[in-house]
Amino acid sequence: MGTPKRWVRRSESANNFDLILANPRELNSESIKELLDHIQSETHRGLSLSARADKEFRRWCAHPSTPLKSDAYVLLSNWFLTQSGDRHSMVASHCEVLWDELFRGRPAKRLSSPEPGRNHVMVPGEFEGFWKMVLKAQGEDEQMSEISGSNAQANIPPVQSVTYPTMRSAVTQPEVSDGSTNGESSAKPLTIAEAKAALARTFGVSPDKVEITIRG
């Protein structure tokens, strides 16, 4: 038995790193919120997990079928992936616990730039390594995981062609075939009665209203 799938990408876009929980029912929202509370109960140098990340995680807990925005889990990971002493703080330890609840495995390198104002932005190259780790932990490869929650194709039945019947004129005479070949055919002469009947049908009158005059 393979490891059950948990995460899929919202979009295959190179600039979209939001993730979707494959089975929202497996999320224990109360447990996630409790772990968030533990994080916020600690500070290091007067800091804790950013309000931006905390707000997004709590929103997602309330609506687990929606995408989890990348800046939330990037900011979470910064605490234990930083090269500074912050990684040894209680805040970082609690962030690790929440991360392990969400993902199977931790990235080897920081996912964002340490530059001020950029610490919430995913570095595309670092995401590739992180995502391969996630897929391997889920027992998948990248080809099997191609989906966009966003980013998903609906099964739309193909449009069926419509054949319209051939329209024939009301005065079209019946075809006569006597078995002759090479396009040759013979027509049996009409009697006066037959001619009247044919004309009556054409003009929508009774045969007795039709007069045929033969001039020599």
N, C-alpha and C. Protein backbone atom coordinates (compact mmCIF):
# COMPACT_ATOMS: atom_id res chain seq x y z
N MET A 1 0.84 -1.19 0.00
CA MET A 1 0.00 0.00 0.00
C MET A 1 0.87 1.24 0.00
N GLY A 2 0.60 2.19 -0.93
CA GLY A 2 1.36 3.41 -0.98
C GLY A 2 0.87 4.40 0.07
N THR A 3 1.69 5.41 0.28
CA THR A 3 1.31 6.46 1.22
C THR A 3 0.16 7.26 0.64
N PRO A 4 -0.91 7.47 1.37
CA PRO A 4 -2.06 8.21 0.84
C PRO A 4 -1.66 9.62 0.41
N LYS A 5 -2.23 10.05 -0.68
CA LYS A 5 -1.97 11.40 -1.17
C LYS A 5 -2.59 12.41 -0.22
N ARG A 6 -1.85 13.49 0.04
CA ARG A 6 -2.42 14.54 0.88
C ARG A 6 -2.50 15.87 0.13
N TRP A 7 -1.42 16.23 -0.58
CA TRP A 7 -1.36 17.54 -1.19
C TRP A 7 -1.27 17.47 -2.71
N VAL A 8 -1.89 18.43 -3.35
CA VAL A 8 -1.74 18.64 -4.79
C VAL A 8 -1.54 20.13 -5.01
N ARG A 9 -0.92 20.46 -6.11
CA ARG A 9 -0.71 21.87 -6.42
C ARG A 9 -2.00 22.49 -6.94
N ARG A 10 -2.22 23.73 -6.57
CA ARG A 10 -3.38 24.45 -7.08
C ARG A 10 -3.24 24.71 -8.57
N SER A 11 -2.02 24.97 -9.00
CA SER A 11 -1.77 25.32 -10.39
C SER A 11 -0.37 24.89 -10.76
N GLU A 12 -0.18 24.55 -12.04
CA GLU A 12 1.15 24.21 -12.53
C GLU A 12 1.94 25.46 -12.91
N SER A 13 1.36 26.63 -12.67
CA SER A 13 2.05 27.88 -12.96
C SER A 13 3.36 27.96 -12.18
N ALA A 14 4.39 28.49 -12.84
CA ALA A 14 5.71 28.60 -12.21
C ALA A 14 5.71 29.59 -11.06
N ASN A 15 4.68 30.41 -10.98
CA ASN A 15 4.63 31.44 -9.94
C ASN A 15 3.50 31.24 -8.94
N ASN A 16 2.88 30.09 -8.96
CA ASN A 16 1.80 29.80 -8.01
C ASN A 16 2.18 28.56 -7.21
N PHE A 17 2.33 28.73 -5.90
CA PHE A 17 2.78 27.64 -5.05
C PHE A 17 1.76 27.27 -3.99
N ASP A 18 0.51 27.73 -4.18
CA ASP A 18 -0.56 27.37 -3.26
C ASP A 18 -0.83 25.87 -3.36
N LEU A 19 -1.21 25.28 -2.25
CA LEU A 19 -1.45 23.84 -2.21
C LEU A 19 -2.87 23.54 -1.78
N ILE A 20 -3.37 22.39 -2.25
CA ILE A 20 -4.73 21.97 -1.93
C ILE A 20 -4.68 20.61 -1.25
N LEU A 21 -5.41 20.48 -0.18
CA LEU A 21 -5.50 19.20 0.51
C LEU A 21 -6.38 18.27 -0.31
N ALA A 22 -5.84 17.13 -0.71
CA ALA A 22 -6.57 16.22 -1.58
C ALA A 22 -7.85 15.71 -0.93
N ASN A 23 -7.79 15.46 0.35
CA ASN A 23 -8.97 15.00 1.07
C ASN A 23 -9.20 15.90 2.27
N PRO A 24 -9.98 16.97 2.12
CA PRO A 24 -10.17 17.93 3.22
C PRO A 24 -10.70 17.30 4.50
N ARG A 25 -11.41 16.18 4.37
CA ARG A 25 -12.00 15.55 5.55
C ARG A 25 -10.95 14.96 6.49
N GLU A 26 -9.73 14.76 5.98
CA GLU A 26 -8.70 14.19 6.84
C GLU A 26 -8.06 15.24 7.74
N LEU A 27 -8.39 16.51 7.52
CA LEU A 27 -7.79 17.56 8.33
C LEU A 27 -8.52 17.70 9.67
N ASN A 28 -7.76 17.67 10.73
CA ASN A 28 -8.30 17.92 12.07
C ASN A 28 -8.11 19.40 12.36
N SER A 29 -9.10 20.20 12.00
CA SER A 29 -8.98 21.65 12.11
C SER A 29 -8.73 22.10 13.55
N GLU A 30 -9.39 21.46 14.48
CA GLU A 30 -9.21 21.86 15.88
C GLU A 30 -7.79 21.62 16.35
N SER A 31 -7.18 20.54 15.89
CA SER A 31 -5.80 20.26 16.26
C SER A 31 -4.86 21.31 15.68
N ILE A 32 -5.10 21.71 14.44
CA ILE A 32 -4.26 22.73 13.81
C ILE A 32 -4.39 24.05 14.57
N LYS A 33 -5.62 24.43 14.92
CA LYS A 33 -5.80 25.68 15.65
C LYS A 33 -5.15 25.63 17.03
N GLU A 34 -5.16 24.48 17.65
CA GLU A 34 -4.52 24.33 18.96
C GLU A 34 -3.01 24.51 18.83
N LEU A 35 -2.42 23.96 17.76
CA LEU A 35 -0.99 24.12 17.52
C LEU A 35 -0.64 25.58 17.23
N LEU A 36 -1.52 26.26 16.53
CA LEU A 36 -1.32 27.69 16.28
C LEU A 36 -1.33 28.47 17.59
N ASP A 37 -2.24 28.10 18.47
CA ASP A 37 -2.30 28.76 19.77
C ASP A 37 -1.00 28.55 20.55
N HIS A 38 -0.42 27.34 20.45
CA HIS A 38 0.83 27.06 21.14
C HIS A 38 1.95 27.95 20.60
N ILE A 39 1.96 28.10 19.28
CA ILE A 39 2.99 28.96 18.68
C ILE A 39 2.85 30.39 19.19
N GLN A 40 1.62 30.90 19.16
CA GLN A 40 1.40 32.30 19.53
C GLN A 40 1.60 32.54 21.03
N SER A 41 1.63 31.49 21.78
CA SER A 41 1.86 31.65 23.23
C SER A 41 3.33 31.89 23.55
N GLU A 42 4.20 31.69 22.54
CA GLU A 42 5.63 31.87 22.73
C GLU A 42 6.13 33.05 21.88
N THR A 43 7.16 33.69 22.36
CA THR A 43 7.83 34.74 21.59
C THR A 43 9.33 34.56 21.69
N HIS A 44 10.02 35.06 20.69
CA HIS A 44 11.49 35.03 20.69
C HIS A 44 11.96 36.37 20.14
N ARG A 45 12.71 37.06 20.95
CA ARG A 45 13.11 38.43 20.62
C ARG A 45 11.88 39.31 20.35
N GLY A 46 10.80 39.00 21.05
CA GLY A 46 9.57 39.76 20.89
C GLY A 46 8.78 39.38 19.66
N LEU A 47 9.17 38.31 19.01
CA LEU A 47 8.52 37.89 17.76
C LEU A 47 7.91 36.51 17.89
N SER A 48 6.91 36.23 17.04
CA SER A 48 6.31 34.90 16.93
C SER A 48 5.93 34.71 15.46
N LEU A 49 5.18 33.66 15.17
CA LEU A 49 4.71 33.48 13.80
C LEU A 49 3.91 34.70 13.38
N SER A 50 4.15 35.20 12.18
CA SER A 50 3.53 36.45 11.75
C SER A 50 2.01 36.36 11.75
N ALA A 51 1.38 37.50 11.99
CA ALA A 51 -0.08 37.56 11.98
C ALA A 51 -0.62 37.18 10.62
N ARG A 52 0.16 37.48 9.58
CA ARG A 52 -0.26 37.14 8.21
C ARG A 52 -0.42 35.64 8.04
N ALA A 53 0.58 34.89 8.50
CA ALA A 53 0.52 33.43 8.39
C ALA A 53 -0.55 32.86 9.30
N ASP A 54 -0.62 33.35 10.53
CA ASP A 54 -1.61 32.86 11.49
C ASP A 54 -3.03 33.03 10.94
N LYS A 55 -3.30 34.20 10.36
CA LYS A 55 -4.63 34.48 9.81
C LYS A 55 -4.97 33.54 8.66
N GLU A 56 -3.98 33.28 7.79
CA GLU A 56 -4.24 32.40 6.65
C GLU A 56 -4.47 30.96 7.11
N PHE A 57 -3.70 30.48 8.06
CA PHE A 57 -3.89 29.12 8.56
C PHE A 57 -5.27 28.96 9.20
N ARG A 58 -5.71 29.95 9.94
CA ARG A 58 -7.02 29.86 10.59
C ARG A 58 -8.15 29.95 9.56
N ARG A 59 -7.95 30.77 8.55
CA ARG A 59 -8.96 30.83 7.47
C ARG A 59 -9.07 29.47 6.80
N TRP A 60 -7.92 28.88 6.51
CA TRP A 60 -7.88 27.59 5.83
C TRP A 60 -8.50 26.49 6.70
N CYS A 61 -8.28 26.56 8.00
CA CYS A 61 -8.88 25.57 8.90
C CYS A 61 -10.41 25.61 8.82
N ALA A 62 -10.93 26.81 8.65
CA ALA A 62 -12.38 26.95 8.55
C ALA A 62 -12.90 26.48 7.20
N HIS A 63 -12.03 26.51 6.19
CA HIS A 63 -12.44 26.12 4.83
C HIS A 63 -11.34 25.24 4.22
N PRO A 64 -11.17 24.02 4.73
CA PRO A 64 -10.04 23.17 4.31
C PRO A 64 -10.09 22.70 2.86
N SER A 65 -11.20 22.90 2.18
CA SER A 65 -11.25 22.51 0.76
C SER A 65 -10.68 23.59 -0.14
N THR A 66 -10.36 24.75 0.43
CA THR A 66 -9.77 25.84 -0.34
C THR A 66 -8.25 25.73 -0.31
N PRO A 67 -7.56 26.40 -1.26
CA PRO A 67 -6.09 26.33 -1.28
C PRO A 67 -5.46 27.00 -0.05
N LEU A 68 -4.39 26.40 0.40
CA LEU A 68 -3.57 27.01 1.45
C LEU A 68 -2.52 27.86 0.75
N LYS A 69 -2.51 29.16 1.01
CA LYS A 69 -1.60 30.06 0.32
C LYS A 69 -0.16 29.80 0.75
N SER A 70 0.72 29.92 -0.22
CA SER A 70 2.12 29.54 0.03
C SER A 70 2.79 30.42 1.07
N ASP A 71 2.42 31.70 1.14
CA ASP A 71 3.12 32.55 2.10
C ASP A 71 2.93 32.08 3.54
N ALA A 72 1.81 31.41 3.83
CA ALA A 72 1.58 30.92 5.19
C ALA A 72 2.57 29.82 5.57
N TYR A 73 2.71 28.81 4.70
CA TYR A 73 3.63 27.73 5.08
C TYR A 73 5.09 28.13 4.88
N VAL A 74 5.35 29.11 4.02
CA VAL A 74 6.72 29.62 3.89
C VAL A 74 7.13 30.33 5.17
N LEU A 75 6.27 31.21 5.67
CA LEU A 75 6.57 31.92 6.91
C LEU A 75 6.70 30.96 8.09
N LEU A 76 5.90 29.91 8.08
CA LEU A 76 6.01 28.90 9.13
C LEU A 76 7.38 28.23 9.09
N SER A 77 7.83 27.87 7.90
CA SER A 77 9.10 27.15 7.76
C SER A 77 10.30 28.02 8.06
N ASN A 78 10.17 29.34 7.87
CA ASN A 78 11.32 30.23 8.10
C ASN A 78 11.88 30.08 9.51
N TRP A 79 11.01 29.80 10.48
CA TRP A 79 11.45 29.74 11.86
C TRP A 79 12.45 28.61 12.10
N PHE A 80 12.26 27.46 11.47
CA PHE A 80 13.19 26.36 11.74
C PHE A 80 14.19 26.12 10.60
N LEU A 81 14.05 26.89 9.49
CA LEU A 81 15.02 26.77 8.40
C LEU A 81 16.02 27.92 8.36
N THR A 82 15.81 28.93 9.19
CA THR A 82 16.74 30.05 9.24
C THR A 82 18.11 29.60 9.76
N GLN A 83 19.15 30.31 9.33
CA GLN A 83 20.51 29.99 9.78
C GLN A 83 20.86 30.71 11.09
N SER A 84 19.92 31.56 11.54
CA SER A 84 20.19 32.30 12.78
C SER A 84 19.82 31.46 14.00
N GLY A 85 20.09 32.04 15.14
CA GLY A 85 19.78 31.36 16.39
C GLY A 85 18.30 31.22 16.65
N ASP A 86 17.47 31.87 15.84
CA ASP A 86 16.02 31.77 16.03
C ASP A 86 15.53 30.34 15.87
N ARG A 87 16.29 29.53 15.13
CA ARG A 87 15.85 28.16 14.88
C ARG A 87 15.88 27.31 16.15
N HIS A 88 16.54 27.77 17.19
CA HIS A 88 16.63 27.01 18.44
C HIS A 88 15.63 27.51 19.48
N SER A 89 14.73 28.40 19.08
CA SER A 89 13.76 28.97 20.02
C SER A 89 12.56 28.05 20.20
N MET A 90 11.76 28.32 21.21
CA MET A 90 10.52 27.58 21.42
C MET A 90 9.52 27.85 20.31
N VAL A 91 9.54 29.08 19.77
CA VAL A 91 8.65 29.39 18.64
C VAL A 91 8.97 28.46 17.47
N ALA A 92 10.26 28.31 17.18
CA ALA A 92 10.67 27.42 16.09
C ALA A 92 10.26 25.98 16.36
N SER A 93 10.40 25.56 17.59
CA SER A 93 10.02 24.18 17.95
C SER A 93 8.54 23.94 17.72
N HIS A 94 7.71 24.90 18.13
CA HIS A 94 6.27 24.75 17.92
C HIS A 94 5.93 24.81 16.43
N CYS A 95 6.66 25.62 15.66
CA CYS A 95 6.43 25.68 14.21
C CYS A 95 6.77 24.35 13.55
N GLU A 96 7.81 23.69 14.06
CA GLU A 96 8.17 22.37 13.53
C GLU A 96 7.04 21.36 13.77
N VAL A 97 6.43 21.44 14.94
CA VAL A 97 5.34 20.50 15.25
C VAL A 97 4.17 20.72 14.30
N LEU A 98 3.82 21.97 14.04
CA LEU A 98 2.73 22.25 13.12
C LEU A 98 3.11 21.81 11.71
N TRP A 99 4.34 22.07 11.31
CA TRP A 99 4.78 21.66 9.97
C TRP A 99 4.65 20.15 9.80
N ASP A 100 5.12 19.40 10.81
CA ASP A 100 5.07 17.94 10.73
C ASP A 100 3.64 17.42 10.70
N GLU A 101 2.72 18.20 11.24
CA GLU A 101 1.30 17.82 11.17
C GLU A 101 0.77 18.00 9.75
N LEU A 102 1.36 18.93 9.03
CA LEU A 102 0.87 19.25 7.68
C LEU A 102 1.61 18.49 6.59
N PHE A 103 2.93 18.37 6.72
CA PHE A 103 3.75 17.79 5.66
C PHE A 103 4.59 16.63 6.20
N ARG A 104 4.91 15.73 5.30
CA ARG A 104 5.74 14.59 5.65
C ARG A 104 7.16 14.85 5.18
N GLY A 105 7.96 15.38 6.05
CA GLY A 105 9.33 15.72 5.73
C GLY A 105 9.54 17.22 5.77
N ARG A 106 10.74 17.62 6.12
CA ARG A 106 11.08 19.04 6.18
C ARG A 106 12.06 19.38 5.07
N PRO A 107 11.94 20.57 4.48
CA PRO A 107 12.88 20.97 3.42
C PRO A 107 14.31 21.02 3.95
N ALA A 108 15.26 20.79 3.07
CA ALA A 108 16.65 20.85 3.46
C ALA A 108 17.15 22.28 3.53
N LYS A 109 16.53 23.16 2.75
CA LYS A 109 16.97 24.55 2.69
C LYS A 109 15.78 25.49 2.87
N ARG A 110 16.11 26.71 3.22
CA ARG A 110 15.09 27.74 3.39
C ARG A 110 14.33 27.95 2.09
N LEU A 111 13.00 28.16 2.19
CA LEU A 111 12.16 28.30 1.01
C LEU A 111 12.08 29.73 0.48
N SER A 112 12.39 30.70 1.32
CA SER A 112 12.27 32.10 0.92
C SER A 112 13.60 32.82 1.12
N SER A 113 13.65 34.02 0.58
CA SER A 113 14.83 34.87 0.77
C SER A 113 14.79 35.47 2.18
N PRO A 114 15.97 35.62 2.81
CA PRO A 114 16.01 36.25 4.14
C PRO A 114 15.92 37.78 4.06
N GLU A 115 15.87 38.34 2.85
CA GLU A 115 15.81 39.79 2.71
C GLU A 115 14.50 40.33 3.28
N PRO A 116 14.57 41.47 3.97
CA PRO A 116 13.35 42.08 4.51
C PRO A 116 12.33 42.35 3.41
N GLY A 117 11.07 42.04 3.70
CA GLY A 117 10.00 42.24 2.73
C GLY A 117 9.87 41.12 1.72
N ARG A 118 10.79 40.16 1.76
CA ARG A 118 10.74 39.03 0.80
C ARG A 118 10.68 37.69 1.53
N ASN A 119 10.61 37.72 2.85
CA ASN A 119 10.69 36.47 3.60
C ASN A 119 9.43 35.62 3.50
N HIS A 120 8.37 36.15 2.86
CA HIS A 120 7.14 35.36 2.68
C HIS A 120 7.01 34.85 1.25
N VAL A 121 7.94 35.23 0.37
CA VAL A 121 7.85 34.91 -1.05
C VAL A 121 8.65 33.64 -1.35
N MET A 122 7.99 32.66 -1.93
CA MET A 122 8.64 31.40 -2.28
C MET A 122 9.69 31.62 -3.37
N VAL A 123 10.86 31.02 -3.19
CA VAL A 123 11.88 30.99 -4.23
C VAL A 123 11.56 29.79 -5.14
N PRO A 124 11.26 30.02 -6.44
CA PRO A 124 10.83 28.91 -7.30
C PRO A 124 11.76 27.71 -7.28
N GLY A 125 13.07 27.95 -7.30
CA GLY A 125 14.01 26.84 -7.29
C GLY A 125 13.94 26.01 -6.02
N GLU A 126 13.70 26.66 -4.90
CA GLU A 126 13.58 25.94 -3.63
C GLU A 126 12.27 25.16 -3.56
N PHE A 127 11.24 25.70 -4.21
CA PHE A 127 9.96 24.97 -4.21
C PHE A 127 10.10 23.63 -4.92
N GLU A 128 10.88 23.61 -6.01
CA GLU A 128 11.01 22.36 -6.77
C GLU A 128 11.56 21.24 -5.88
N GLY A 129 12.58 21.56 -5.09
CA GLY A 129 13.12 20.55 -4.20
C GLY A 129 12.13 20.15 -3.12
N PHE A 130 11.44 21.13 -2.57
CA PHE A 130 10.43 20.85 -1.54
C PHE A 130 9.31 19.99 -2.10
N TRP A 131 8.82 20.32 -3.32
CA TRP A 131 7.69 19.60 -3.88
C TRP A 131 8.06 18.16 -4.24
N LYS A 132 9.28 17.95 -4.71
CA LYS A 132 9.72 16.58 -4.98
C LYS A 132 9.76 15.76 -3.69
N MET A 133 10.16 16.41 -2.61
CA MET A 133 10.17 15.74 -1.31
C MET A 133 8.76 15.35 -0.90
N VAL A 134 7.80 16.26 -1.09
CA VAL A 134 6.41 15.99 -0.72
C VAL A 134 5.86 14.83 -1.54
N LEU A 135 6.11 14.86 -2.85
CA LEU A 135 5.59 13.80 -3.72
C LEU A 135 6.19 12.44 -3.36
N LYS A 136 7.48 12.44 -3.08
CA LYS A 136 8.12 11.17 -2.70
C LYS A 136 7.52 10.63 -1.41
N ALA A 137 7.27 11.51 -0.45
CA ALA A 137 6.67 11.08 0.81
C ALA A 137 5.26 10.56 0.61
N GLN A 138 4.59 11.08 -0.43
CA GLN A 138 3.22 10.64 -0.72
C GLN A 138 3.19 9.43 -1.64
N GLY A 139 4.38 8.95 -2.05
CA GLY A 139 4.45 7.79 -2.92
C GLY A 139 4.07 8.10 -4.34
N GLU A 140 4.34 9.33 -4.77
CA GLU A 140 3.98 9.75 -6.12
C GLU A 140 5.20 10.27 -6.85
N ASP A 141 4.99 10.57 -8.15
CA ASP A 141 5.97 11.33 -8.89
C ASP A 141 5.28 12.54 -9.46
N GLU A 142 6.02 13.43 -10.12
CA GLU A 142 5.46 14.68 -10.59
C GLU A 142 4.40 14.47 -11.67
N GLN A 143 4.59 13.47 -12.54
CA GLN A 143 3.62 13.25 -13.60
C GLN A 143 2.28 12.80 -13.04
N MET A 144 2.31 11.96 -11.99
CA MET A 144 1.06 11.48 -11.39
C MET A 144 0.34 12.60 -10.66
N SER A 145 1.08 13.63 -10.26
CA SER A 145 0.50 14.66 -9.42
C SER A 145 0.03 15.89 -10.17
N GLU A 146 0.04 15.86 -11.50
CA GLU A 146 -0.34 17.04 -12.27
C GLU A 146 -1.82 17.33 -12.10
N ILE A 147 -2.11 18.39 -11.35
CA ILE A 147 -3.50 18.78 -11.12
C ILE A 147 -3.51 20.26 -10.74
N SER A 148 -4.49 21.08 -10.97
CA SER A 148 -4.64 22.41 -10.49
C SER A 148 -5.93 22.53 -9.81
N GLY A 149 -5.94 22.43 -8.61
CA GLY A 149 -7.10 22.56 -7.93
C GLY A 149 -7.92 23.27 -8.49
N SER A 150 -6.64 24.05 -8.84
CA SER A 150 -7.36 25.08 -9.33
C SER A 150 -7.78 24.65 -10.05
N ASN A 151 -6.56 23.34 -10.41
CA ASN A 151 -6.45 23.84 -10.85
C ASN A 151 -6.90 22.75 -11.66
N ALA A 152 -8.65 21.78 -11.96
CA ALA A 152 -8.98 20.46 -12.40
C ALA A 152 -9.90 20.46 -13.54
N GLN A 153 -9.75 19.47 -14.52
CA GLN A 153 -10.52 19.44 -15.74
C GLN A 153 -11.85 18.74 -15.50
N ALA A 154 -12.94 19.37 -15.95
CA ALA A 154 -14.27 18.75 -15.82
C ALA A 154 -14.48 17.77 -16.97
N ASN A 155 -15.23 16.70 -16.71
CA ASN A 155 -15.56 15.73 -17.76
C ASN A 155 -16.74 16.25 -18.55
N ILE A 156 -16.45 16.83 -19.69
CA ILE A 156 -17.49 17.43 -20.52
C ILE A 156 -17.75 16.50 -21.69
N PRO A 157 -19.00 16.02 -21.87
CA PRO A 157 -19.28 15.11 -22.98
C PRO A 157 -19.07 15.81 -24.30
N PRO A 158 -18.55 15.08 -25.31
CA PRO A 158 -18.32 15.69 -26.61
C PRO A 158 -19.61 16.11 -27.27
N VAL A 159 -19.52 17.14 -28.09
CA VAL A 159 -20.69 17.61 -28.82
C VAL A 159 -20.96 16.64 -29.97
N GLN A 160 -22.17 16.15 -30.05
CA GLN A 160 -22.52 15.20 -31.09
C GLN A 160 -23.05 15.94 -32.31
N SER A 161 -22.64 15.45 -33.47
CA SER A 161 -23.08 16.08 -34.71
C SER A 161 -24.54 15.74 -34.97
N VAL A 162 -25.23 16.62 -35.65
CA VAL A 162 -26.64 16.44 -35.96
C VAL A 162 -26.79 16.30 -37.47
N THR A 163 -27.46 15.26 -37.88
CA THR A 163 -27.71 15.04 -39.30
C THR A 163 -29.12 15.48 -39.63
N TYR A 164 -29.23 16.40 -40.58
CA TYR A 164 -30.53 16.90 -40.97
C TYR A 164 -31.05 16.11 -42.16
N PRO A 165 -32.34 15.80 -42.20
CA PRO A 165 -32.88 15.04 -43.33
C PRO A 165 -32.85 15.89 -44.61
N THR A 166 -32.72 15.19 -45.74
CA THR A 166 -32.71 15.87 -47.03
C THR A 166 -34.11 16.36 -47.35
N MET A 167 -34.21 17.63 -47.71
CA MET A 167 -35.50 18.22 -48.05
C MET A 167 -35.80 17.96 -49.52
N ARG A 168 -36.98 17.48 -49.80
CA ARG A 168 -37.40 17.20 -51.18
C ARG A 168 -38.57 18.09 -51.56
N SER A 169 -38.61 18.45 -52.81
CA SER A 169 -39.71 19.26 -53.30
C SER A 169 -40.99 18.45 -53.34
N ALA A 170 -42.10 19.14 -53.09
CA ALA A 170 -43.40 18.44 -53.10
C ALA A 170 -43.78 17.99 -54.48
N VAL A 171 -43.13 18.57 -55.51
CA VAL A 171 -43.51 18.21 -56.89
C VAL A 171 -42.51 17.26 -57.51
N THR A 172 -41.54 16.75 -56.71
CA THR A 172 -40.56 15.83 -57.26
C THR A 172 -41.26 14.57 -57.74
N GLN A 173 -40.99 14.19 -58.95
CA GLN A 173 -41.61 12.99 -59.53
C GLN A 173 -40.87 11.76 -59.06
N PRO A 174 -41.55 10.66 -58.84
CA PRO A 174 -40.89 9.43 -58.42
C PRO A 174 -39.95 8.92 -59.48
N GLU A 175 -38.81 8.38 -58.95
CA GLU A 175 -37.86 7.83 -59.90
C GLU A 175 -38.37 6.51 -60.43
N VAL A 176 -38.10 6.26 -61.71
CA VAL A 176 -38.56 5.03 -62.37
C VAL A 176 -37.35 4.28 -62.86
N SER A 177 -37.27 3.05 -62.51
CA SER A 177 -36.16 2.23 -62.98
C SER A 177 -36.71 0.96 -63.58
N ASP A 178 -36.21 0.67 -64.79
CA ASP A 178 -36.66 -0.57 -65.43
C ASP A 178 -35.51 -1.54 -65.61
N GLY A 179 -34.43 -1.30 -64.88
CA GLY A 179 -33.31 -2.22 -64.95
C GLY A 179 -32.38 -1.92 -66.10
N SER A 180 -32.60 -0.85 -66.86
CA SER A 180 -31.72 -0.55 -67.98
C SER A 180 -30.40 0.00 -67.46
N THR A 181 -29.36 -0.06 -68.25
CA THR A 181 -28.02 0.36 -67.84
C THR A 181 -27.57 1.54 -68.67
N ASN A 182 -26.32 2.03 -68.36
CA ASN A 182 -25.72 3.14 -69.07
C ASN A 182 -26.57 4.39 -69.01
N GLY A 183 -27.35 4.55 -67.94
CA GLY A 183 -28.14 5.76 -67.76
C GLY A 183 -29.38 5.79 -68.59
N GLU A 184 -29.67 4.74 -69.31
CA GLU A 184 -30.86 4.72 -70.14
C GLU A 184 -32.06 4.27 -69.32
N SER A 185 -33.20 4.90 -69.54
CA SER A 185 -34.42 4.49 -68.86
C SER A 185 -35.58 4.76 -69.78
N SER A 186 -36.66 4.09 -69.49
CA SER A 186 -37.87 4.29 -70.29
C SER A 186 -38.99 4.70 -69.37
N ALA A 187 -39.86 5.56 -69.83
CA ALA A 187 -40.97 6.04 -69.02
C ALA A 187 -42.28 5.60 -69.66
N LYS A 188 -43.14 5.05 -68.83
CA LYS A 188 -44.44 4.60 -69.32
C LYS A 188 -45.35 5.82 -69.49
N PRO A 189 -45.96 6.01 -70.64
CA PRO A 189 -46.84 7.18 -70.88
C PRO A 189 -47.98 7.18 -69.87
N LEU A 190 -48.36 8.40 -69.42
CA LEU A 190 -49.47 8.55 -68.49
C LEU A 190 -50.80 8.58 -69.22
N THR A 191 -51.77 8.04 -68.55
CA THR A 191 -53.13 8.18 -69.07
C THR A 191 -53.66 9.54 -68.66
N ILE A 192 -54.80 9.97 -69.25
CA ILE A 192 -55.39 11.26 -68.89
C ILE A 192 -55.73 11.29 -67.40
N ALA A 193 -56.27 10.18 -66.88
CA ALA A 193 -56.66 10.12 -65.47
C ALA A 193 -55.44 10.24 -64.56
N GLU A 194 -54.36 9.56 -64.95
CA GLU A 194 -53.16 9.63 -64.14
C GLU A 194 -52.56 11.02 -64.14
N ALA A 195 -52.62 11.67 -65.33
CA ALA A 195 -52.09 13.02 -65.44
C ALA A 195 -52.89 14.00 -64.59
N LYS A 196 -54.22 13.85 -64.62
CA LYS A 196 -55.06 14.71 -63.80
C LYS A 196 -54.77 14.52 -62.31
N ALA A 197 -54.63 13.27 -61.91
CA ALA A 197 -54.37 12.97 -60.51
C ALA A 197 -53.04 13.58 -60.06
N ALA A 198 -52.03 13.49 -60.93
CA ALA A 198 -50.73 14.05 -60.58
C ALA A 198 -50.80 15.56 -60.46
N LEU A 199 -51.48 16.21 -61.41
CA LEU A 199 -51.61 17.66 -61.36
C LEU A 199 -52.43 18.11 -60.16
N ALA A 200 -53.47 17.35 -59.83
CA ALA A 200 -54.29 17.68 -58.68
C ALA A 200 -53.48 17.65 -57.40
N ARG A 201 -52.63 16.64 -57.26
CA ARG A 201 -51.79 16.55 -56.07
C ARG A 201 -50.82 17.73 -55.99
N THR A 202 -50.30 18.13 -57.15
CA THR A 202 -49.34 19.23 -57.19
C THR A 202 -49.96 20.54 -56.76
N PHE A 203 -51.18 20.81 -57.23
CA PHE A 203 -51.82 22.11 -56.97
C PHE A 203 -52.83 22.06 -55.83
N GLY A 204 -52.99 20.89 -55.21
CA GLY A 204 -53.84 20.80 -54.04
C GLY A 204 -55.32 20.93 -54.34
N VAL A 205 -55.75 20.41 -55.47
CA VAL A 205 -57.17 20.44 -55.84
C VAL A 205 -57.62 19.03 -56.14
N SER A 206 -58.91 18.85 -56.29
CA SER A 206 -59.43 17.52 -56.63
C SER A 206 -59.25 17.29 -58.14
N PRO A 207 -59.11 16.04 -58.56
CA PRO A 207 -58.88 15.73 -59.98
C PRO A 207 -59.97 16.25 -60.90
N ASP A 208 -61.21 16.34 -60.37
CA ASP A 208 -62.30 16.79 -61.24
C ASP A 208 -62.22 18.29 -61.54
N LYS A 209 -61.32 18.99 -60.85
CA LYS A 209 -61.13 20.41 -61.12
C LYS A 209 -60.05 20.65 -62.17
N VAL A 210 -59.42 19.58 -62.62
CA VAL A 210 -58.32 19.68 -63.57
C VAL A 210 -58.84 19.36 -64.98
N GLU A 211 -58.55 20.27 -65.91
CA GLU A 211 -58.94 20.03 -67.32
C GLU A 211 -57.69 19.97 -68.16
N ILE A 212 -57.60 19.00 -69.01
CA ILE A 212 -56.45 18.84 -69.89
C ILE A 212 -56.92 19.00 -71.33
N THR A 213 -56.33 19.93 -72.03
CA THR A 213 -56.67 20.18 -73.44
C THR A 213 -55.55 19.69 -74.33
N ILE A 214 -55.88 18.85 -75.29
CA ILE A 214 -54.88 18.33 -76.23
C ILE A 214 -55.11 18.97 -77.59
N ARG A 215 -54.11 19.68 -78.04
CA ARG A 215 -54.22 20.32 -79.36
C ARG A 215 -53.36 19.55 -80.36
N GLY A 216 -53.92 19.29 -81.53
CA GLY A 216 -53.21 18.57 -82.55
C GLY A 216 -52.30 19.46 -83.41
